[in-house]
N, C-alpha and C. Protein backbone atom coordinates (compact mmCIF):
# COMPACT_ATOMS: atom_id res chain seq x y z
N MET A 1 0.83 -1.18 0.00
CA MET A 1 0.00 0.00 0.00
C MET A 1 0.87 1.25 0.00
N MET A 2 1.89 1.25 0.79
CA MET A 2 2.74 2.41 0.90
C MET A 2 3.42 2.72 -0.44
N ALA A 3 3.85 1.67 -1.16
CA ALA A 3 4.52 1.89 -2.45
C ALA A 3 3.57 2.55 -3.43
N LYS A 4 2.31 2.12 -3.46
CA LYS A 4 1.35 2.72 -4.38
C LYS A 4 1.10 4.18 -4.01
N LEU A 5 0.98 4.46 -2.74
CA LEU A 5 0.75 5.82 -2.28
C LEU A 5 1.94 6.71 -2.64
N VAL A 6 3.14 6.21 -2.43
CA VAL A 6 4.33 6.97 -2.79
C VAL A 6 4.36 7.23 -4.29
N ASN A 7 3.98 6.23 -5.10
CA ASN A 7 3.95 6.39 -6.55
C ASN A 7 2.92 7.45 -6.96
N VAL A 8 1.74 7.44 -6.35
CA VAL A 8 0.72 8.44 -6.65
C VAL A 8 1.23 9.83 -6.31
N ILE A 9 1.89 9.96 -5.17
CA ILE A 9 2.43 11.26 -4.75
C ILE A 9 3.50 11.72 -5.74
N ARG A 10 4.38 10.82 -6.14
CA ARG A 10 5.47 11.16 -7.06
C ARG A 10 4.93 11.60 -8.42
N LEU A 11 3.94 10.87 -8.94
CA LEU A 11 3.38 11.19 -10.26
C LEU A 11 2.60 12.49 -10.26
N ASN A 12 2.06 12.88 -9.13
CA ASN A 12 1.27 14.11 -9.04
C ASN A 12 2.09 15.28 -8.51
N GLY A 13 3.38 15.16 -8.55
CA GLY A 13 4.24 16.26 -8.12
C GLY A 13 4.12 16.56 -6.64
N GLY A 14 3.83 15.55 -5.84
CA GLY A 14 3.74 15.73 -4.40
C GLY A 14 2.36 16.12 -3.91
N ARG A 15 1.40 16.32 -4.81
CA ARG A 15 0.05 16.69 -4.40
C ARG A 15 -0.86 15.48 -4.51
N VAL A 16 -1.54 15.16 -3.42
CA VAL A 16 -2.46 14.04 -3.39
C VAL A 16 -3.74 14.50 -2.70
N SER A 17 -4.87 14.23 -3.35
CA SER A 17 -6.15 14.64 -2.77
C SER A 17 -6.60 13.62 -1.72
N ASP A 18 -7.53 14.04 -0.90
CA ASP A 18 -8.10 13.13 0.09
C ASP A 18 -8.76 11.93 -0.59
N GLU A 19 -9.39 12.17 -1.74
CA GLU A 19 -10.05 11.09 -2.48
C GLU A 19 -9.05 10.04 -2.95
N GLU A 20 -7.87 10.48 -3.41
CA GLU A 20 -6.85 9.54 -3.86
C GLU A 20 -6.33 8.69 -2.71
N VAL A 21 -6.12 9.31 -1.56
CA VAL A 21 -5.66 8.56 -0.39
C VAL A 21 -6.72 7.56 0.03
N LEU A 22 -7.98 7.98 0.04
CA LEU A 22 -9.08 7.09 0.41
C LEU A 22 -9.20 5.93 -0.58
N GLU A 23 -9.03 6.21 -1.87
CA GLU A 23 -9.10 5.16 -2.89
C GLU A 23 -8.01 4.11 -2.67
N VAL A 24 -6.79 4.54 -2.41
CA VAL A 24 -5.69 3.60 -2.16
C VAL A 24 -5.97 2.79 -0.89
N TYR A 25 -6.46 3.47 0.15
CA TYR A 25 -6.76 2.77 1.40
C TYR A 25 -7.84 1.72 1.18
N ARG A 26 -8.91 2.10 0.50
CA ARG A 26 -10.00 1.14 0.24
C ARG A 26 -9.53 -0.04 -0.60
N PHE A 27 -8.73 0.25 -1.62
CA PHE A 27 -8.22 -0.81 -2.50
C PHE A 27 -7.40 -1.82 -1.70
N GLU A 28 -6.57 -1.33 -0.81
CA GLU A 28 -5.69 -2.20 -0.03
C GLU A 28 -6.41 -2.93 1.10
N ASN A 29 -7.51 -2.35 1.60
CA ASN A 29 -8.14 -2.90 2.80
C ASN A 29 -9.54 -3.46 2.58
N GLU A 30 -10.07 -3.37 1.39
CA GLU A 30 -11.42 -3.86 1.15
C GLU A 30 -11.46 -5.38 1.24
N ARG A 31 -12.46 -5.87 1.91
CA ARG A 31 -12.63 -7.32 2.07
C ARG A 31 -14.04 -7.69 1.64
N ILE A 32 -14.20 -8.89 1.08
CA ILE A 32 -15.52 -9.37 0.69
C ILE A 32 -15.70 -10.79 1.21
N ASN A 33 -16.95 -11.17 1.41
CA ASN A 33 -17.27 -12.55 1.74
C ASN A 33 -17.67 -13.23 0.45
N LEU A 34 -17.09 -14.35 0.18
CA LEU A 34 -17.35 -15.04 -1.08
C LEU A 34 -17.56 -16.52 -0.82
N ASN A 35 -18.68 -17.01 -1.28
CA ASN A 35 -18.96 -18.44 -1.23
C ASN A 35 -19.19 -18.91 -2.67
N PHE A 36 -18.72 -20.08 -2.99
CA PHE A 36 -18.95 -20.60 -4.34
C PHE A 36 -18.96 -22.12 -4.29
N ILE A 37 -19.52 -22.67 -5.35
CA ILE A 37 -19.49 -24.13 -5.52
C ILE A 37 -18.97 -24.41 -6.91
N LYS A 38 -18.31 -25.50 -7.05
CA LYS A 38 -17.77 -25.90 -8.34
C LYS A 38 -18.72 -26.94 -8.94
N VAL A 39 -19.18 -26.67 -10.16
CA VAL A 39 -20.14 -27.55 -10.82
C VAL A 39 -19.54 -28.01 -12.15
N ALA A 40 -19.62 -29.29 -12.39
CA ALA A 40 -19.14 -29.83 -13.66
C ALA A 40 -20.28 -29.74 -14.69
N PRO A 41 -20.11 -28.97 -15.76
CA PRO A 41 -21.18 -28.81 -16.76
C PRO A 41 -21.64 -30.14 -17.35
N GLY A 42 -20.74 -31.08 -17.45
CA GLY A 42 -21.09 -32.39 -18.03
C GLY A 42 -22.19 -33.10 -17.25
N SER A 43 -22.35 -32.81 -15.97
CA SER A 43 -23.39 -33.48 -15.19
C SER A 43 -24.79 -33.04 -15.59
N PHE A 44 -24.93 -31.94 -16.31
CA PHE A 44 -26.25 -31.45 -16.72
C PHE A 44 -26.51 -31.65 -18.21
N ARG A 45 -25.53 -32.14 -18.93
CA ARG A 45 -25.63 -32.25 -20.39
C ARG A 45 -26.85 -33.07 -20.83
N ASN A 46 -27.17 -34.14 -20.16
CA ASN A 46 -28.30 -35.00 -20.55
C ASN A 46 -29.65 -34.38 -20.19
N GLN A 47 -29.66 -33.35 -19.34
CA GLN A 47 -30.91 -32.73 -18.92
C GLN A 47 -31.33 -31.55 -19.80
N VAL A 48 -30.47 -31.16 -20.74
CA VAL A 48 -30.73 -29.99 -21.58
C VAL A 48 -30.71 -30.39 -23.03
N SER A 49 -31.67 -29.86 -23.78
CA SER A 49 -31.65 -30.10 -25.22
C SER A 49 -32.02 -28.80 -25.92
N ALA A 50 -31.29 -28.48 -26.96
CA ALA A 50 -31.57 -27.28 -27.76
C ALA A 50 -31.01 -27.51 -29.15
N ASN A 51 -31.75 -27.02 -30.12
CA ASN A 51 -31.24 -27.13 -31.48
C ASN A 51 -30.73 -25.77 -31.95
N GLU A 52 -30.17 -25.74 -33.13
CA GLU A 52 -29.53 -24.52 -33.62
C GLU A 52 -30.53 -23.38 -33.79
N VAL A 53 -31.75 -23.69 -34.21
CA VAL A 53 -32.78 -22.66 -34.40
C VAL A 53 -33.14 -22.03 -33.05
N GLU A 54 -33.32 -22.85 -32.01
CA GLU A 54 -33.64 -22.33 -30.68
C GLU A 54 -32.49 -21.48 -30.13
N GLU A 55 -31.28 -21.93 -30.37
CA GLU A 55 -30.11 -21.16 -29.90
C GLU A 55 -30.05 -19.80 -30.58
N ARG A 56 -30.24 -19.78 -31.90
CA ARG A 56 -30.19 -18.53 -32.66
C ARG A 56 -31.32 -17.59 -32.20
N ASP A 57 -32.51 -18.14 -31.98
CA ASP A 57 -33.65 -17.34 -31.55
C ASP A 57 -33.39 -16.74 -30.16
N TYR A 58 -32.87 -17.54 -29.26
CA TYR A 58 -32.55 -17.05 -27.92
C TYR A 58 -31.51 -15.94 -28.00
N TYR A 59 -30.49 -16.15 -28.81
CA TYR A 59 -29.43 -15.15 -28.97
C TYR A 59 -30.00 -13.84 -29.50
N GLN A 60 -30.85 -13.90 -30.54
CA GLN A 60 -31.41 -12.69 -31.12
C GLN A 60 -32.29 -11.93 -30.11
N LYS A 61 -33.01 -12.66 -29.26
CA LYS A 61 -33.87 -12.02 -28.27
C LYS A 61 -33.08 -11.46 -27.08
N HIS A 62 -31.87 -11.92 -26.88
CA HIS A 62 -31.06 -11.50 -25.72
C HIS A 62 -29.72 -10.91 -26.15
N LEU A 63 -29.69 -10.18 -27.24
CA LEU A 63 -28.44 -9.61 -27.76
C LEU A 63 -27.71 -8.77 -26.71
N GLU A 64 -28.45 -7.99 -25.94
CA GLU A 64 -27.81 -7.11 -24.96
C GLU A 64 -27.07 -7.91 -23.89
N ASP A 65 -27.55 -9.11 -23.57
CA ASP A 65 -26.87 -9.95 -22.58
C ASP A 65 -25.51 -10.43 -23.08
N PHE A 66 -25.34 -10.48 -24.39
CA PHE A 66 -24.09 -10.98 -24.97
C PHE A 66 -23.17 -9.86 -25.44
N ARG A 67 -23.61 -8.62 -25.29
CA ARG A 67 -22.80 -7.49 -25.74
C ARG A 67 -21.56 -7.36 -24.87
N VAL A 68 -20.44 -7.17 -25.51
CA VAL A 68 -19.17 -6.96 -24.80
C VAL A 68 -18.89 -5.46 -24.82
N PRO A 69 -18.69 -4.84 -23.66
CA PRO A 69 -18.42 -3.40 -23.63
C PRO A 69 -17.17 -3.05 -24.42
N THR A 70 -17.14 -1.84 -24.93
CA THR A 70 -15.98 -1.35 -25.66
C THR A 70 -14.76 -1.42 -24.76
N GLN A 71 -13.67 -1.91 -25.30
CA GLN A 71 -12.44 -2.03 -24.53
C GLN A 71 -11.35 -1.23 -25.22
N VAL A 72 -10.47 -0.70 -24.42
CA VAL A 72 -9.37 0.10 -24.93
C VAL A 72 -8.09 -0.39 -24.27
N GLN A 73 -7.06 -0.54 -25.06
CA GLN A 73 -5.75 -0.90 -24.51
C GLN A 73 -4.91 0.37 -24.48
N VAL A 74 -4.39 0.69 -23.33
CA VAL A 74 -3.65 1.93 -23.15
C VAL A 74 -2.23 1.61 -22.73
N GLN A 75 -1.31 2.31 -23.36
CA GLN A 75 0.08 2.23 -22.94
C GLN A 75 0.56 3.66 -22.73
N TYR A 76 1.42 3.85 -21.77
CA TYR A 76 1.91 5.19 -21.51
C TYR A 76 3.34 5.14 -21.00
N LEU A 77 4.00 6.25 -21.13
CA LEU A 77 5.35 6.42 -20.62
C LEU A 77 5.33 7.51 -19.56
N VAL A 78 6.09 7.34 -18.52
CA VAL A 78 6.17 8.34 -17.47
C VAL A 78 7.55 8.98 -17.56
N PHE A 79 7.57 10.29 -17.68
CA PHE A 79 8.82 11.03 -17.70
C PHE A 79 8.83 11.93 -16.48
N ARG A 80 9.84 11.77 -15.67
CA ARG A 80 9.99 12.63 -14.50
C ARG A 80 10.87 13.82 -14.88
N PRO A 81 10.44 15.01 -14.56
CA PRO A 81 11.28 16.18 -14.86
C PRO A 81 12.67 16.07 -14.27
N SER A 82 12.79 15.42 -13.12
CA SER A 82 14.10 15.29 -12.47
C SER A 82 15.09 14.49 -13.31
N ASP A 83 14.57 13.61 -14.21
CA ASP A 83 15.47 12.84 -15.07
C ASP A 83 16.16 13.72 -16.11
N PHE A 84 15.60 14.91 -16.39
CA PHE A 84 16.13 15.76 -17.45
C PHE A 84 16.73 17.06 -16.94
N GLU A 85 16.66 17.27 -15.64
CA GLU A 85 17.23 18.50 -15.08
C GLU A 85 18.72 18.56 -15.38
N GLY A 86 19.15 19.68 -15.85
CA GLY A 86 20.57 19.87 -16.14
C GLY A 86 20.99 19.33 -17.50
N LYS A 87 20.14 18.58 -18.19
CA LYS A 87 20.48 18.01 -19.49
C LYS A 87 19.87 18.81 -20.64
N VAL A 88 18.90 19.65 -20.34
CA VAL A 88 18.20 20.40 -21.37
C VAL A 88 18.21 21.87 -21.00
N GLN A 89 18.53 22.71 -21.96
CA GLN A 89 18.49 24.16 -21.75
C GLN A 89 17.24 24.69 -22.46
N VAL A 90 16.34 25.28 -21.69
CA VAL A 90 15.12 25.84 -22.26
C VAL A 90 15.24 27.35 -22.17
N THR A 91 15.12 27.99 -23.34
CA THR A 91 15.19 29.44 -23.39
C THR A 91 13.85 29.96 -23.93
N PRO A 92 13.55 31.22 -23.69
CA PRO A 92 12.30 31.78 -24.23
C PRO A 92 12.21 31.62 -25.75
N THR A 93 13.34 31.77 -26.44
CA THR A 93 13.35 31.63 -27.90
C THR A 93 13.06 30.20 -28.31
N SER A 94 13.63 29.22 -27.62
CA SER A 94 13.42 27.83 -28.01
C SER A 94 11.97 27.41 -27.82
N CYS A 95 11.27 28.08 -26.94
CA CYS A 95 9.85 27.76 -26.72
C CYS A 95 8.95 28.50 -27.69
N SER A 96 9.25 29.77 -27.96
CA SER A 96 8.34 30.58 -28.77
C SER A 96 8.55 30.42 -30.27
N GLU A 97 9.77 30.14 -30.73
CA GLU A 97 10.04 30.06 -32.16
C GLU A 97 9.18 29.01 -32.88
N PRO A 98 9.08 27.77 -32.39
CA PRO A 98 8.23 26.80 -33.09
C PRO A 98 6.77 27.24 -33.15
N MET A 99 6.27 27.89 -32.12
CA MET A 99 4.89 28.34 -32.10
C MET A 99 4.68 29.46 -33.12
N ILE A 100 5.59 30.40 -33.18
CA ILE A 100 5.50 31.50 -34.15
C ILE A 100 5.58 30.96 -35.56
N SER A 101 6.49 30.01 -35.81
CA SER A 101 6.65 29.43 -37.14
C SER A 101 5.37 28.71 -37.58
N ARG A 102 4.74 28.00 -36.67
CA ARG A 102 3.50 27.29 -37.02
C ARG A 102 2.39 28.27 -37.37
N ARG A 103 2.34 29.37 -36.63
CA ARG A 103 1.32 30.38 -36.92
C ARG A 103 1.50 30.95 -38.32
N ARG A 104 2.73 31.08 -38.75
CA ARG A 104 3.03 31.61 -40.09
C ARG A 104 2.97 30.53 -41.16
N GLY A 105 2.80 29.29 -40.75
CA GLY A 105 2.77 28.20 -41.71
C GLY A 105 4.16 27.77 -42.13
N LEU A 106 5.17 28.12 -41.37
CA LEU A 106 6.55 27.79 -41.69
C LEU A 106 7.06 26.72 -40.74
N ARG A 107 8.14 26.10 -41.12
CA ARG A 107 8.83 25.15 -40.24
C ARG A 107 9.86 25.92 -39.41
N PRO A 108 10.25 25.40 -38.26
CA PRO A 108 11.32 26.04 -37.48
C PRO A 108 12.61 26.14 -38.29
N ARG A 109 13.47 27.08 -37.94
CA ARG A 109 14.71 27.32 -38.68
C ARG A 109 15.59 26.10 -38.81
N ASN A 110 15.63 25.22 -37.83
CA ASN A 110 16.54 24.09 -37.89
C ASN A 110 15.91 22.84 -38.53
N ALA A 111 14.80 23.00 -39.26
CA ALA A 111 14.18 21.85 -39.93
C ALA A 111 15.10 21.39 -41.05
N SER A 112 15.20 20.07 -41.23
CA SER A 112 16.07 19.53 -42.27
C SER A 112 15.45 19.72 -43.65
N ARG A 113 16.27 19.59 -44.69
CA ARG A 113 15.79 19.74 -46.07
C ARG A 113 14.68 18.73 -46.37
N ARG A 114 14.85 17.51 -45.89
CA ARG A 114 13.88 16.45 -46.16
C ARG A 114 12.51 16.85 -45.59
N GLU A 115 12.49 17.47 -44.39
CA GLU A 115 11.23 17.87 -43.78
C GLU A 115 10.57 19.01 -44.57
N ARG A 116 11.39 19.85 -45.22
CA ARG A 116 10.87 21.01 -45.96
C ARG A 116 10.23 20.62 -47.28
N SER A 117 10.69 19.53 -47.89
CA SER A 117 10.20 19.18 -49.21
C SER A 117 8.94 18.35 -49.14
């Protein structure tokens, strides 16, 4: 739990809301009561009969039960500013020149010939 909390704090620049702390606490401490039984489907095979037409009809009438929610696969990279401190020089010109060039429809001065053509 502590590692996750430290990671949340680090990624948010040291700022963590009460909700985030509560979420981590609940995730780590939530408990549920669970009872289950294991059933072998083969034991019921002789008690059920359905043909292809009945299966198709049931499926068409219950389409929403078979719908799979939209899924998204996300990948991300985390860059910590501390990893680049002292390695990059940012000047007002280096920040404003690309923006000014885009407004004019031009490429930045250091664009290669291949990028210009």
